[in-house]
Amino acid sequence: MPEELACRACSLEKDIALLHRQKAELRAFARVILTQTSHSAFLLRSENMRNILCASPVWNTSRSILAFAPTISEPNLLPADFRERDIFCLKRLNSHYKPVAIYSRRDLKLGPLGILEPNSKRTFPLGKIDLILVPGLAFDLRGGRLGRGGGHYDRILSRPDCVGKVIGVCYAAQVVEYVPRERHDLPVGALLTEKGLVEITSPLNPQTF
């Protein structure tokens, strides 16, 4: 019996190591795709994605939205007019990421990791967020998401008070056939690219839009 348990543990370690290797390879692949895209193409695709999102029923029925401050290679979905919705972005406070209100793009500044984050510390309960927009390096059509490896969004989405609908956000070139998943990797309920907003119909996804 001890030998059998040891073999199972060894097999599990190999499986996890393989998953980590697959994730690393997929991250490298996604980054190559992004480096081959021009800034003007990013801007045009971001505009298309904003238009698609703002025309969707889920956007129009959501009052409070957890968006994200994009890096240079991520879609910029922040609205031009912040008066129609309550917009929040994540900010690291006391070692935890929390939704913080922003009222214009000027309310964002570079944080310690070189990523834009809200200026203020005016937090908002995660349980009152209606819609969560989640960026990623790669997604698949079963809701699988590959982030940058920090696990920040997985921790947010796994919280029991996280009840908002979750939309993954990426460019169409970042959609792949399969994203390797571990237990802590939570699926998104829909996927937004410049080609459209697609609801995920998968046993992994408990959400309905």
N, C-alpha and C. Protein backbone atom coordinates (compact mmCIF):
# COMPACT_ATOMS: atom_id res chain seq x y z
N MET A 1 0.81 -1.22 0.00
CA MET A 1 0.00 0.00 0.00
C MET A 1 0.85 1.28 0.00
N PRO A 2 1.88 1.39 0.87
CA PRO A 2 2.73 2.59 0.81
C PRO A 2 3.37 2.80 -0.55
N GLU A 3 3.78 1.68 -1.19
CA GLU A 3 4.39 1.79 -2.52
C GLU A 3 3.38 2.30 -3.54
N GLU A 4 2.12 1.81 -3.42
CA GLU A 4 1.07 2.25 -4.35
C GLU A 4 0.80 3.74 -4.18
N LEU A 5 0.74 4.20 -2.92
CA LEU A 5 0.51 5.62 -2.66
C LEU A 5 1.66 6.46 -3.19
N ALA A 6 2.87 5.94 -3.02
CA ALA A 6 4.05 6.66 -3.52
C ALA A 6 4.01 6.77 -5.04
N CYS A 7 3.56 5.70 -5.71
CA CYS A 7 3.47 5.73 -7.18
C CYS A 7 2.42 6.74 -7.64
N ARG A 8 1.29 6.78 -6.90
CA ARG A 8 0.24 7.74 -7.25
C ARG A 8 0.73 9.17 -7.07
N ALA A 9 1.45 9.40 -5.98
CA ALA A 9 1.98 10.74 -5.72
C ALA A 9 2.97 11.14 -6.80
N CYS A 10 3.80 10.18 -7.20
CA CYS A 10 4.79 10.46 -8.26
C CYS A 10 4.09 10.77 -9.58
N SER A 11 3.03 9.99 -9.89
CA SER A 11 2.28 10.22 -11.12
C SER A 11 1.61 11.59 -11.11
N LEU A 12 1.06 11.97 -9.93
CA LEU A 12 0.40 13.26 -9.80
C LEU A 12 1.40 14.40 -10.01
N GLU A 13 2.57 14.25 -9.43
CA GLU A 13 3.62 15.26 -9.59
C GLU A 13 4.00 15.42 -11.06
N LYS A 14 4.08 14.29 -11.78
CA LYS A 14 4.42 14.34 -13.20
C LYS A 14 3.32 15.04 -14.00
N ASP A 15 2.04 14.74 -13.63
CA ASP A 15 0.91 15.37 -14.32
C ASP A 15 0.93 16.88 -14.11
N ILE A 16 1.18 17.30 -12.88
CA ILE A 16 1.22 18.73 -12.57
C ILE A 16 2.37 19.40 -13.30
N ALA A 17 3.52 18.73 -13.31
CA ALA A 17 4.68 19.28 -14.02
C ALA A 17 4.39 19.43 -15.51
N LEU A 18 3.68 18.44 -16.08
CA LEU A 18 3.30 18.52 -17.49
C LEU A 18 2.36 19.69 -17.74
N LEU A 19 1.37 19.88 -16.86
CA LEU A 19 0.44 21.00 -16.99
C LEU A 19 1.17 22.33 -16.95
N HIS A 20 2.09 22.46 -16.01
CA HIS A 20 2.86 23.70 -15.89
C HIS A 20 3.69 23.96 -17.14
N ARG A 21 4.25 22.90 -17.70
CA ARG A 21 5.04 23.03 -18.92
C ARG A 21 4.14 23.44 -20.10
N GLN A 22 2.96 22.84 -20.18
CA GLN A 22 2.02 23.19 -21.25
C GLN A 22 1.57 24.65 -21.12
N LYS A 23 1.33 25.08 -19.89
CA LYS A 23 0.93 26.47 -19.67
C LYS A 23 2.03 27.43 -20.07
N ALA A 24 3.26 27.10 -19.71
CA ALA A 24 4.39 27.96 -20.05
C ALA A 24 4.54 28.08 -21.57
N GLU A 25 4.37 26.96 -22.27
CA GLU A 25 4.48 26.98 -23.73
C GLU A 25 3.36 27.80 -24.36
N LEU A 26 2.15 27.69 -23.81
CA LEU A 26 1.02 28.44 -24.34
C LEU A 26 1.18 29.94 -24.06
N ARG A 27 1.70 30.28 -22.89
CA ARG A 27 1.97 31.70 -22.60
C ARG A 27 2.98 32.27 -23.59
N ALA A 28 4.02 31.51 -23.87
CA ALA A 28 5.04 31.97 -24.82
C ALA A 28 4.43 32.15 -26.21
N PHE A 29 3.58 31.21 -26.61
CA PHE A 29 2.90 31.29 -27.91
C PHE A 29 2.02 32.54 -28.00
N ALA A 30 1.25 32.79 -26.94
CA ALA A 30 0.35 33.96 -26.93
C ALA A 30 1.14 35.26 -26.98
N ARG A 31 2.25 35.31 -26.27
CA ARG A 31 3.05 36.54 -26.26
C ARG A 31 3.66 36.81 -27.65
N VAL A 32 4.04 35.76 -28.35
CA VAL A 32 4.56 35.93 -29.71
C VAL A 32 3.48 36.52 -30.60
N ILE A 33 2.27 36.00 -30.49
CA ILE A 33 1.15 36.53 -31.29
C ILE A 33 0.95 38.02 -31.01
N LEU A 34 0.99 38.39 -29.74
CA LEU A 34 0.76 39.79 -29.37
C LEU A 34 1.87 40.70 -29.88
N THR A 35 3.10 40.22 -29.86
CA THR A 35 4.21 41.06 -30.34
C THR A 35 4.16 41.26 -31.85
N GLN A 36 3.45 40.40 -32.54
CA GLN A 36 3.35 40.51 -34.00
C GLN A 36 2.19 41.40 -34.44
N THR A 37 1.46 41.96 -33.48
CA THR A 37 0.30 42.80 -33.78
C THR A 37 0.66 44.27 -33.59
N SER A 38 0.28 45.11 -34.54
CA SER A 38 0.61 46.54 -34.47
C SER A 38 -0.28 47.26 -33.46
N HIS A 39 0.21 48.41 -33.00
CA HIS A 39 -0.56 49.20 -32.03
C HIS A 39 -1.87 49.69 -32.65
N SER A 40 -1.84 50.05 -33.91
CA SER A 40 -3.06 50.52 -34.58
C SER A 40 -4.10 49.41 -34.67
N ALA A 41 -3.63 48.18 -34.87
CA ALA A 41 -4.55 47.04 -34.90
C ALA A 41 -5.18 46.81 -33.53
N PHE A 42 -4.35 46.95 -32.47
CA PHE A 42 -4.88 46.83 -31.11
C PHE A 42 -6.00 47.84 -30.87
N LEU A 43 -5.76 49.09 -31.29
CA LEU A 43 -6.74 50.16 -31.07
C LEU A 43 -8.05 49.87 -31.80
N LEU A 44 -7.94 49.43 -33.05
CA LEU A 44 -9.14 49.15 -33.84
C LEU A 44 -9.92 47.98 -33.25
N ARG A 45 -9.23 46.93 -32.86
CA ARG A 45 -9.90 45.77 -32.29
C ARG A 45 -10.54 46.10 -30.94
N SER A 46 -9.86 46.92 -30.14
CA SER A 46 -10.43 47.35 -28.86
C SER A 46 -11.72 48.12 -29.07
N GLU A 47 -11.72 48.99 -30.06
CA GLU A 47 -12.94 49.77 -30.35
C GLU A 47 -14.08 48.85 -30.77
N ASN A 48 -13.79 47.87 -31.62
CA ASN A 48 -14.81 46.90 -32.02
C ASN A 48 -15.36 46.14 -30.82
N MET A 49 -14.47 45.77 -29.91
CA MET A 49 -14.88 45.01 -28.73
C MET A 49 -15.73 45.85 -27.79
N ARG A 50 -15.39 47.12 -27.63
CA ARG A 50 -16.21 48.01 -26.81
C ARG A 50 -17.61 48.13 -27.40
N ASN A 51 -17.69 48.28 -28.71
CA ASN A 51 -19.00 48.40 -29.36
C ASN A 51 -19.84 47.13 -29.18
N ILE A 52 -19.20 45.98 -29.34
CA ILE A 52 -19.90 44.70 -29.16
C ILE A 52 -20.40 44.56 -27.73
N LEU A 53 -19.52 44.88 -26.77
CA LEU A 53 -19.88 44.75 -25.36
C LEU A 53 -21.02 45.68 -24.99
N CYS A 54 -20.92 46.94 -25.41
CA CYS A 54 -21.93 47.94 -25.02
C CYS A 54 -23.29 47.67 -25.66
N ALA A 55 -23.32 46.88 -26.73
CA ALA A 55 -24.59 46.53 -27.38
C ALA A 55 -25.19 45.25 -26.82
N SER A 56 -24.49 44.58 -25.91
CA SER A 56 -24.94 43.28 -25.42
C SER A 56 -25.95 43.43 -24.29
N PRO A 57 -26.88 42.48 -24.16
CA PRO A 57 -27.85 42.50 -23.06
C PRO A 57 -27.19 42.46 -21.68
N VAL A 58 -26.11 41.69 -21.54
CA VAL A 58 -25.49 41.57 -20.22
C VAL A 58 -24.90 42.90 -19.77
N TRP A 59 -24.36 43.69 -20.71
CA TRP A 59 -23.86 45.02 -20.35
C TRP A 59 -25.01 45.94 -19.97
N ASN A 60 -26.07 45.89 -20.73
CA ASN A 60 -27.18 46.81 -20.52
C ASN A 60 -28.03 46.48 -19.30
N THR A 61 -27.86 45.27 -18.77
CA THR A 61 -28.58 44.92 -17.54
C THR A 61 -27.66 44.94 -16.32
N SER A 62 -26.42 45.36 -16.50
CA SER A 62 -25.46 45.42 -15.40
C SER A 62 -25.22 46.88 -15.01
N ARG A 63 -25.30 47.14 -13.73
CA ARG A 63 -25.05 48.49 -13.24
C ARG A 63 -23.61 48.67 -12.76
N SER A 64 -23.11 47.68 -12.03
CA SER A 64 -21.75 47.77 -11.48
C SER A 64 -20.85 46.78 -12.21
N ILE A 65 -19.74 47.28 -12.74
CA ILE A 65 -18.88 46.47 -13.61
C ILE A 65 -17.44 46.52 -13.12
N LEU A 66 -16.88 45.35 -12.90
CA LEU A 66 -15.46 45.26 -12.57
C LEU A 66 -14.70 45.10 -13.87
N ALA A 67 -14.08 46.18 -14.31
CA ALA A 67 -13.30 46.18 -15.55
C ALA A 67 -11.83 45.96 -15.21
N PHE A 68 -10.95 46.22 -16.15
CA PHE A 68 -9.51 46.12 -15.87
C PHE A 68 -8.79 47.22 -16.62
N ALA A 69 -7.73 47.72 -16.00
CA ALA A 69 -6.88 48.71 -16.66
C ALA A 69 -5.91 47.94 -17.55
N PRO A 70 -5.98 48.12 -18.86
CA PRO A 70 -5.23 47.25 -19.76
C PRO A 70 -3.74 47.54 -19.79
N THR A 71 -2.96 46.50 -20.01
CA THR A 71 -1.56 46.68 -20.38
C THR A 71 -1.53 47.09 -21.85
N ILE A 72 -0.35 47.36 -22.38
CA ILE A 72 -0.24 47.85 -23.75
C ILE A 72 -0.76 46.85 -24.77
N SER A 73 -0.77 45.56 -24.43
CA SER A 73 -1.20 44.54 -25.40
C SER A 73 -2.59 43.97 -25.10
N GLU A 74 -3.29 44.53 -24.12
CA GLU A 74 -4.62 44.05 -23.77
C GLU A 74 -5.70 44.96 -24.34
N PRO A 75 -6.88 44.43 -24.63
CA PRO A 75 -7.98 45.27 -25.11
C PRO A 75 -8.36 46.33 -24.08
N ASN A 76 -8.60 47.54 -24.56
CA ASN A 76 -9.02 48.63 -23.69
C ASN A 76 -10.53 48.76 -23.78
N LEU A 77 -11.22 48.27 -22.75
CA LEU A 77 -12.68 48.29 -22.73
C LEU A 77 -13.24 49.38 -21.83
N LEU A 78 -12.37 50.21 -21.26
CA LEU A 78 -12.86 51.28 -20.39
C LEU A 78 -13.70 52.25 -21.22
N PRO A 79 -14.91 52.58 -20.75
CA PRO A 79 -15.79 53.44 -21.54
C PRO A 79 -15.29 54.87 -21.59
N ALA A 80 -15.71 55.59 -22.63
CA ALA A 80 -15.38 57.01 -22.72
C ALA A 80 -16.20 57.81 -21.72
N ASP A 81 -17.43 57.36 -21.46
CA ASP A 81 -18.34 58.04 -20.53
C ASP A 81 -18.59 57.13 -19.33
N PHE A 82 -18.15 57.56 -18.16
CA PHE A 82 -18.28 56.75 -16.95
C PHE A 82 -19.58 57.03 -16.21
N ARG A 83 -20.44 57.90 -16.74
CA ARG A 83 -21.63 58.29 -16.01
C ARG A 83 -22.75 57.26 -16.11
N GLU A 84 -22.70 56.40 -17.12
CA GLU A 84 -23.78 55.45 -17.33
C GLU A 84 -23.67 54.20 -16.47
N ARG A 85 -22.46 53.88 -16.01
CA ARG A 85 -22.24 52.68 -15.21
C ARG A 85 -21.30 53.00 -14.05
N ASP A 86 -21.38 52.18 -13.01
CA ASP A 86 -20.39 52.25 -11.93
C ASP A 86 -19.24 51.33 -12.32
N ILE A 87 -18.07 51.92 -12.57
CA ILE A 87 -16.92 51.17 -13.06
C ILE A 87 -15.89 51.01 -11.95
N PHE A 88 -15.36 49.81 -11.82
CA PHE A 88 -14.36 49.51 -10.79
C PHE A 88 -13.19 48.78 -11.43
N CYS A 89 -12.02 48.95 -10.84
CA CYS A 89 -10.84 48.17 -11.22
C CYS A 89 -10.22 47.61 -9.95
N LEU A 90 -9.45 46.55 -10.09
CA LEU A 90 -8.82 45.94 -8.92
C LEU A 90 -7.62 46.76 -8.46
N LYS A 91 -7.46 46.83 -7.15
CA LYS A 91 -6.29 47.47 -6.56
C LYS A 91 -5.81 46.61 -5.40
N ARG A 92 -4.49 46.50 -5.26
CA ARG A 92 -3.92 45.71 -4.16
C ARG A 92 -3.91 46.54 -2.89
N LEU A 93 -4.66 46.11 -1.89
CA LEU A 93 -4.74 46.79 -0.60
C LEU A 93 -4.56 45.76 0.50
N ASN A 94 -3.55 45.97 1.35
CA ASN A 94 -3.27 45.03 2.45
C ASN A 94 -3.15 43.59 1.95
N SER A 95 -2.38 43.43 0.88
CA SER A 95 -2.07 42.11 0.31
C SER A 95 -3.25 41.44 -0.39
N HIS A 96 -4.36 42.15 -0.56
CA HIS A 96 -5.51 41.58 -1.25
C HIS A 96 -5.96 42.53 -2.36
N TYR A 97 -6.46 41.96 -3.45
CA TYR A 97 -7.00 42.78 -4.53
C TYR A 97 -8.48 43.02 -4.28
N LYS A 98 -8.88 44.31 -4.35
CA LYS A 98 -10.27 44.68 -4.09
C LYS A 98 -10.77 45.63 -5.18
N PRO A 99 -12.10 45.60 -5.46
CA PRO A 99 -12.66 46.55 -6.42
C PRO A 99 -12.62 47.97 -5.86
N VAL A 100 -12.10 48.89 -6.65
CA VAL A 100 -12.03 50.30 -6.26
C VAL A 100 -12.66 51.13 -7.38
N ALA A 101 -13.47 52.11 -7.00
CA ALA A 101 -14.21 52.92 -7.98
C ALA A 101 -13.28 53.82 -8.78
N ILE A 102 -13.58 53.96 -10.07
CA ILE A 102 -12.92 54.96 -10.91
C ILE A 102 -14.01 55.74 -11.64
N TYR A 103 -13.78 57.03 -11.82
CA TYR A 103 -14.78 57.91 -12.42
C TYR A 103 -14.34 58.46 -13.77
N SER A 104 -13.10 58.24 -14.12
CA SER A 104 -12.59 58.59 -15.44
C SER A 104 -11.26 57.86 -15.62
N ARG A 105 -10.73 57.89 -16.82
CA ARG A 105 -9.44 57.23 -17.06
C ARG A 105 -8.31 57.94 -16.32
N ARG A 106 -8.56 59.19 -15.94
CA ARG A 106 -7.54 59.94 -15.19
C ARG A 106 -7.39 59.43 -13.76
N ASP A 107 -8.33 58.61 -13.31
CA ASP A 107 -8.27 58.07 -11.95
C ASP A 107 -7.33 56.88 -11.84
N LEU A 108 -6.63 56.56 -12.93
CA LEU A 108 -5.70 55.43 -12.93
C LEU A 108 -4.26 55.92 -12.90
N LYS A 109 -3.42 55.22 -12.17
CA LYS A 109 -1.99 55.54 -12.11
C LYS A 109 -1.20 54.24 -12.14
N LEU A 110 0.08 54.35 -12.44
CA LEU A 110 0.94 53.16 -12.45
C LEU A 110 1.14 52.64 -11.04
N GLY A 111 0.87 51.35 -10.84
CA GLY A 111 1.07 50.73 -9.55
C GLY A 111 2.47 50.17 -9.40
N PRO A 112 2.76 49.49 -8.28
CA PRO A 112 4.11 48.98 -8.03
C PRO A 112 4.57 47.93 -9.03
N LEU A 113 3.63 47.26 -9.71
CA LEU A 113 4.01 46.24 -10.70
C LEU A 113 4.06 46.81 -12.11
N GLY A 114 3.95 48.15 -12.22
CA GLY A 114 3.99 48.77 -13.53
C GLY A 114 2.69 48.66 -14.30
N ILE A 115 1.60 48.33 -13.60
CA ILE A 115 0.28 48.20 -14.21
C ILE A 115 -0.62 49.30 -13.67
N LEU A 116 -1.45 49.86 -14.53
CA LEU A 116 -2.36 50.90 -14.08
C LEU A 116 -3.34 50.37 -13.04
N GLU A 117 -3.59 51.18 -12.01
CA GLU A 117 -4.55 50.82 -10.98
C GLU A 117 -5.21 52.10 -10.46
N PRO A 118 -6.35 51.99 -9.76
CA PRO A 118 -7.04 53.18 -9.28
C PRO A 118 -6.20 54.01 -8.31
N ASN A 119 -6.41 55.33 -8.38
CA ASN A 119 -5.74 56.26 -7.47
C ASN A 119 -6.25 56.13 -6.05
N SER A 120 -7.57 55.99 -5.91
CA SER A 120 -8.19 56.06 -4.59
C SER A 120 -8.16 54.71 -3.89
N LYS A 121 -8.65 54.72 -2.65
CA LYS A 121 -8.78 53.48 -1.88
C LYS A 121 -10.25 53.24 -1.53
N ARG A 122 -11.15 53.79 -2.34
CA ARG A 122 -12.58 53.69 -2.10
C ARG A 122 -13.07 52.34 -2.60
N THR A 123 -13.12 51.37 -1.72
CA THR A 123 -13.45 50.00 -2.13
C THR A 123 -14.96 49.80 -2.26
N PHE A 124 -15.31 48.71 -2.93
CA PHE A 124 -16.71 48.37 -3.19
C PHE A 124 -16.86 46.87 -2.95
N PRO A 125 -17.97 46.42 -2.35
CA PRO A 125 -18.13 44.99 -2.08
C PRO A 125 -18.15 44.15 -3.37
N LEU A 126 -17.34 43.13 -3.40
CA LEU A 126 -17.30 42.25 -4.57
C LEU A 126 -18.67 41.63 -4.83
N GLY A 127 -19.41 41.35 -3.78
CA GLY A 127 -20.72 40.71 -3.91
C GLY A 127 -21.76 41.56 -4.60
N LYS A 128 -21.48 42.86 -4.78
CA LYS A 128 -22.43 43.75 -5.45
C LYS A 128 -22.03 44.04 -6.89
N ILE A 129 -20.98 43.39 -7.36
CA ILE A 129 -20.55 43.56 -8.75
C ILE A 129 -21.43 42.68 -9.65
N ASP A 130 -22.02 43.29 -10.68
CA ASP A 130 -22.90 42.54 -11.59
C ASP A 130 -22.14 41.82 -12.70
N LEU A 131 -21.08 42.44 -13.18
CA LEU A 131 -20.36 41.92 -14.35
C LEU A 131 -18.86 42.07 -14.13
N ILE A 132 -18.12 41.01 -14.42
CA ILE A 132 -16.67 41.01 -14.24
C ILE A 132 -16.00 40.72 -15.58
N LEU A 133 -15.14 41.63 -16.01
CA LEU A 133 -14.39 41.45 -17.26
C LEU A 133 -12.98 40.98 -16.91
N VAL A 134 -12.59 39.84 -17.45
CA VAL A 134 -11.33 39.21 -17.05
C VAL A 134 -10.41 39.06 -18.27
N PRO A 135 -9.24 39.70 -18.25
CA PRO A 135 -8.30 39.52 -19.36
C PRO A 135 -7.55 38.20 -19.23
N GLY A 136 -6.89 37.80 -20.30
CA GLY A 136 -6.09 36.58 -20.25
C GLY A 136 -5.18 36.50 -21.47
N LEU A 137 -4.18 35.65 -21.38
CA LEU A 137 -3.28 35.44 -22.51
C LEU A 137 -3.88 34.48 -23.53
N ALA A 138 -4.73 33.56 -23.07
CA ALA A 138 -5.37 32.61 -23.99
C ALA A 138 -6.66 32.11 -23.35
N PHE A 139 -7.62 31.78 -24.20
CA PHE A 139 -8.89 31.20 -23.77
C PHE A 139 -9.26 30.08 -24.74
N ASP A 140 -10.12 29.17 -24.27
CA ASP A 140 -10.74 28.23 -25.20
C ASP A 140 -12.25 28.36 -25.08
N LEU A 141 -12.98 27.68 -25.96
CA LEU A 141 -14.43 27.84 -26.03
C LEU A 141 -15.17 26.98 -25.02
N ARG A 142 -14.44 26.37 -24.09
CA ARG A 142 -15.07 25.69 -22.96
C ARG A 142 -14.97 26.53 -21.69
N GLY A 143 -14.45 27.74 -21.84
CA GLY A 143 -14.33 28.63 -20.69
C GLY A 143 -12.96 28.63 -20.05
N GLY A 144 -12.05 27.80 -20.56
CA GLY A 144 -10.70 27.76 -20.00
C GLY A 144 -9.97 29.07 -20.22
N ARG A 145 -9.25 29.50 -19.22
CA ARG A 145 -8.51 30.77 -19.29
C ARG A 145 -7.08 30.56 -18.83
N LEU A 146 -6.14 31.17 -19.54
CA LEU A 146 -4.74 31.17 -19.13
C LEU A 146 -4.35 32.61 -18.83
N GLY A 147 -4.04 32.88 -17.56
CA GLY A 147 -3.61 34.21 -17.16
C GLY A 147 -2.10 34.34 -17.26
N ARG A 148 -1.59 35.34 -16.57
CA ARG A 148 -0.14 35.59 -16.62
C ARG A 148 0.63 34.81 -15.56
N GLY A 149 -0.09 34.06 -14.73
CA GLY A 149 0.60 33.19 -13.77
C GLY A 149 0.56 33.66 -12.34
N GLY A 150 0.00 34.84 -12.09
CA GLY A 150 -0.05 35.35 -10.72
C GLY A 150 -1.19 34.80 -9.89
N GLY A 151 -2.24 34.32 -10.55
CA GLY A 151 -3.38 33.75 -9.84
C GLY A 151 -4.33 34.77 -9.22
N HIS A 152 -4.17 36.07 -9.56
CA HIS A 152 -4.98 37.11 -8.92
C HIS A 152 -6.46 36.92 -9.23
N TYR A 153 -6.78 36.70 -10.50
CA TYR A 153 -8.19 36.56 -10.86
C TYR A 153 -8.78 35.25 -10.37
N ASP A 154 -8.00 34.19 -10.34
CA ASP A 154 -8.50 32.92 -9.80
C ASP A 154 -8.91 33.09 -8.34
N ARG A 155 -8.13 33.84 -7.58
CA ARG A 155 -8.48 34.07 -6.18
C ARG A 155 -9.74 34.92 -6.05
N ILE A 156 -9.87 35.91 -6.92
CA ILE A 156 -11.07 36.75 -6.90
C ILE A 156 -12.31 35.92 -7.27
N LEU A 157 -12.22 35.17 -8.36
CA LEU A 157 -13.37 34.43 -8.86
C LEU A 157 -13.77 33.28 -7.96
N SER A 158 -12.86 32.78 -7.15
CA SER A 158 -13.17 31.65 -6.26
C SER A 158 -13.79 32.09 -4.95
N ARG A 159 -13.86 33.39 -4.70
CA ARG A 159 -14.45 33.86 -3.45
C ARG A 159 -15.95 33.60 -3.44
N PRO A 160 -16.51 33.20 -2.30
CA PRO A 160 -17.94 32.89 -2.25
C PRO A 160 -18.84 34.09 -2.52
N ASP A 161 -18.32 35.30 -2.29
CA ASP A 161 -19.14 36.50 -2.55
C ASP A 161 -19.01 37.00 -3.99
N CYS A 162 -18.29 36.26 -4.83
CA CYS A 162 -18.16 36.64 -6.24
C CYS A 162 -19.33 36.01 -6.99
N VAL A 163 -20.36 36.80 -7.24
CA VAL A 163 -21.59 36.28 -7.85
C VAL A 163 -21.88 36.92 -9.20
N GLY A 164 -21.05 37.87 -9.64
CA GLY A 164 -21.27 38.52 -10.92
C GLY A 164 -20.98 37.60 -12.09
N LYS A 165 -21.57 37.92 -13.24
CA LYS A 165 -21.28 37.17 -14.45
C LYS A 165 -19.87 37.50 -14.94
N VAL A 166 -19.19 36.49 -15.46
CA VAL A 166 -17.77 36.63 -15.81
C VAL A 166 -17.58 36.49 -17.32
N ILE A 167 -16.98 37.52 -17.92
CA ILE A 167 -16.66 37.48 -19.35
C ILE A 167 -15.15 37.51 -19.53
N GLY A 168 -14.61 36.52 -20.21
CA GLY A 168 -13.20 36.54 -20.58
C GLY A 168 -12.99 37.47 -21.76
N VAL A 169 -11.84 38.14 -21.77
CA VAL A 169 -11.56 39.15 -22.80
C VAL A 169 -10.20 38.89 -23.43
N CYS A 170 -10.18 38.76 -24.76
CA CYS A 170 -8.92 38.62 -25.48
C CYS A 170 -9.18 38.89 -26.96
N TYR A 171 -8.12 38.96 -27.73
CA TYR A 171 -8.27 39.07 -29.18
C TYR A 171 -8.51 37.68 -29.77
N ALA A 172 -9.14 37.65 -30.95
CA ALA A 172 -9.51 36.37 -31.56
C ALA A 172 -8.31 35.45 -31.77
N ALA A 173 -7.15 36.02 -32.05
CA ALA A 173 -5.95 35.21 -32.29
C ALA A 173 -5.48 34.48 -31.04
N GLN A 174 -5.99 34.89 -29.87
CA GLN A 174 -5.59 34.26 -28.61
C GLN A 174 -6.54 33.13 -28.20
N VAL A 175 -7.55 32.87 -29.00
CA VAL A 175 -8.47 31.77 -28.71
C VAL A 175 -7.87 30.48 -29.28
N VAL A 176 -7.70 29.50 -28.42
CA VAL A 176 -7.05 28.25 -28.81
C VAL A 176 -8.01 27.08 -28.62
N GLU A 177 -7.61 25.93 -29.11
CA GLU A 177 -8.47 24.74 -29.01
C GLU A 177 -8.60 24.27 -27.57
N TYR A 178 -7.51 24.37 -26.81
CA TYR A 178 -7.54 23.83 -25.44
C TYR A 178 -6.57 24.60 -24.56
N VAL A 179 -7.07 25.01 -23.39
CA VAL A 179 -6.23 25.63 -22.37
C VAL A 179 -6.05 24.62 -21.23
N PRO A 180 -4.82 24.25 -20.88
CA PRO A 180 -4.60 23.33 -19.76
C PRO A 180 -5.19 23.91 -18.48
N ARG A 181 -5.89 23.07 -17.72
CA ARG A 181 -6.56 23.54 -16.51
C ARG A 181 -6.14 22.72 -15.30
N GLU A 182 -5.93 23.44 -14.18
CA GLU A 182 -5.75 22.81 -12.89
C GLU A 182 -7.01 23.03 -12.06
N ARG A 183 -7.07 22.44 -10.89
CA ARG A 183 -8.28 22.53 -10.06
C ARG A 183 -8.67 23.97 -9.74
N HIS A 184 -7.66 24.81 -9.51
CA HIS A 184 -7.96 26.18 -9.10
C HIS A 184 -8.27 27.09 -10.28
N ASP A 185 -8.15 26.60 -11.50
CA ASP A 185 -8.42 27.41 -12.69
C ASP A 185 -9.92 27.44 -12.97
N LEU A 186 -10.54 28.58 -12.75
CA LEU A 186 -11.99 28.68 -12.89
C LEU A 186 -12.38 29.15 -14.29
N PRO A 187 -13.45 28.58 -14.85
CA PRO A 187 -13.86 28.95 -16.21
C PRO A 187 -14.60 30.29 -16.24
N VAL A 188 -14.62 30.92 -17.40
CA VAL A 188 -15.41 32.12 -17.61
C VAL A 188 -16.75 31.71 -18.23
N GLY A 189 -17.74 32.59 -18.12
CA GLY A 189 -19.07 32.26 -18.61
C GLY A 189 -19.32 32.66 -20.04
N ALA A 190 -18.50 33.57 -20.55
CA ALA A 190 -18.63 34.03 -21.94
C ALA A 190 -17.27 34.55 -22.37
N LEU A 191 -17.10 34.72 -23.67
CA LEU A 191 -15.82 35.17 -24.21
C LEU A 191 -16.05 36.30 -25.21
N LEU A 192 -15.35 37.41 -24.99
CA LEU A 192 -15.45 38.57 -25.87
C LEU A 192 -14.17 38.73 -26.67
N THR A 193 -14.30 38.76 -27.99
CA THR A 193 -13.20 39.10 -28.89
C THR A 193 -13.73 40.15 -29.88
N GLU A 194 -12.86 40.60 -30.78
CA GLU A 194 -13.31 41.57 -31.78
C GLU A 194 -14.29 40.95 -32.78
N LYS A 195 -14.45 39.62 -32.71
CA LYS A 195 -15.39 38.94 -33.62
C LYS A 195 -16.77 38.74 -33.01
N GLY A 196 -16.90 38.98 -31.71
CA GLY A 196 -18.21 38.84 -31.09
C GLY A 196 -18.14 38.41 -29.64
N LEU A 197 -19.30 38.33 -29.02
CA LEU A 197 -19.45 37.88 -27.64
C LEU A 197 -20.11 36.51 -27.67
N VAL A 198 -19.40 35.50 -27.20
CA VAL A 198 -19.87 34.11 -27.28
C VAL A 198 -20.13 33.58 -25.88
N GLU A 199 -21.34 33.09 -25.65
CA GLU A 199 -21.63 32.44 -24.38
C GLU A 199 -21.02 31.05 -24.37
N ILE A 200 -20.41 30.69 -23.25
CA ILE A 200 -19.78 29.38 -23.14
C ILE A 200 -20.83 28.35 -22.75
N THR A 201 -21.03 27.35 -23.57
CA THR A 201 -21.94 26.26 -23.24
C THR A 201 -21.10 25.03 -22.94
N SER A 202 -20.81 24.84 -21.68
CA SER A 202 -19.92 23.77 -21.26
C SER A 202 -20.31 23.31 -19.86
N PRO A 203 -20.14 22.02 -19.56
CA PRO A 203 -20.39 21.54 -18.19
C PRO A 203 -19.54 22.26 -17.15
N LEU A 204 -18.40 22.83 -17.60
CA LEU A 204 -17.54 23.54 -16.66
C LEU A 204 -18.13 24.88 -16.24
N ASN A 205 -19.08 25.39 -17.03
CA ASN A 205 -19.60 26.74 -16.81
C ASN A 205 -21.00 26.69 -16.21
N PRO A 206 -21.17 27.12 -14.96
CA PRO A 206 -22.49 27.10 -14.33
C PRO A 206 -23.32 28.34 -14.61
N GLN A 207 -22.75 29.34 -15.30
CA GLN A 207 -23.44 30.61 -15.48
C GLN A 207 -24.39 30.56 -16.67
N THR A 208 -25.43 31.38 -16.60
CA THR A 208 -26.30 31.62 -17.75
C THR A 208 -26.35 33.11 -18.00
N PHE A 209 -26.33 33.49 -19.27
CA PHE A 209 -26.31 34.91 -19.64
C PHE A 209 -27.67 35.31 -20.23
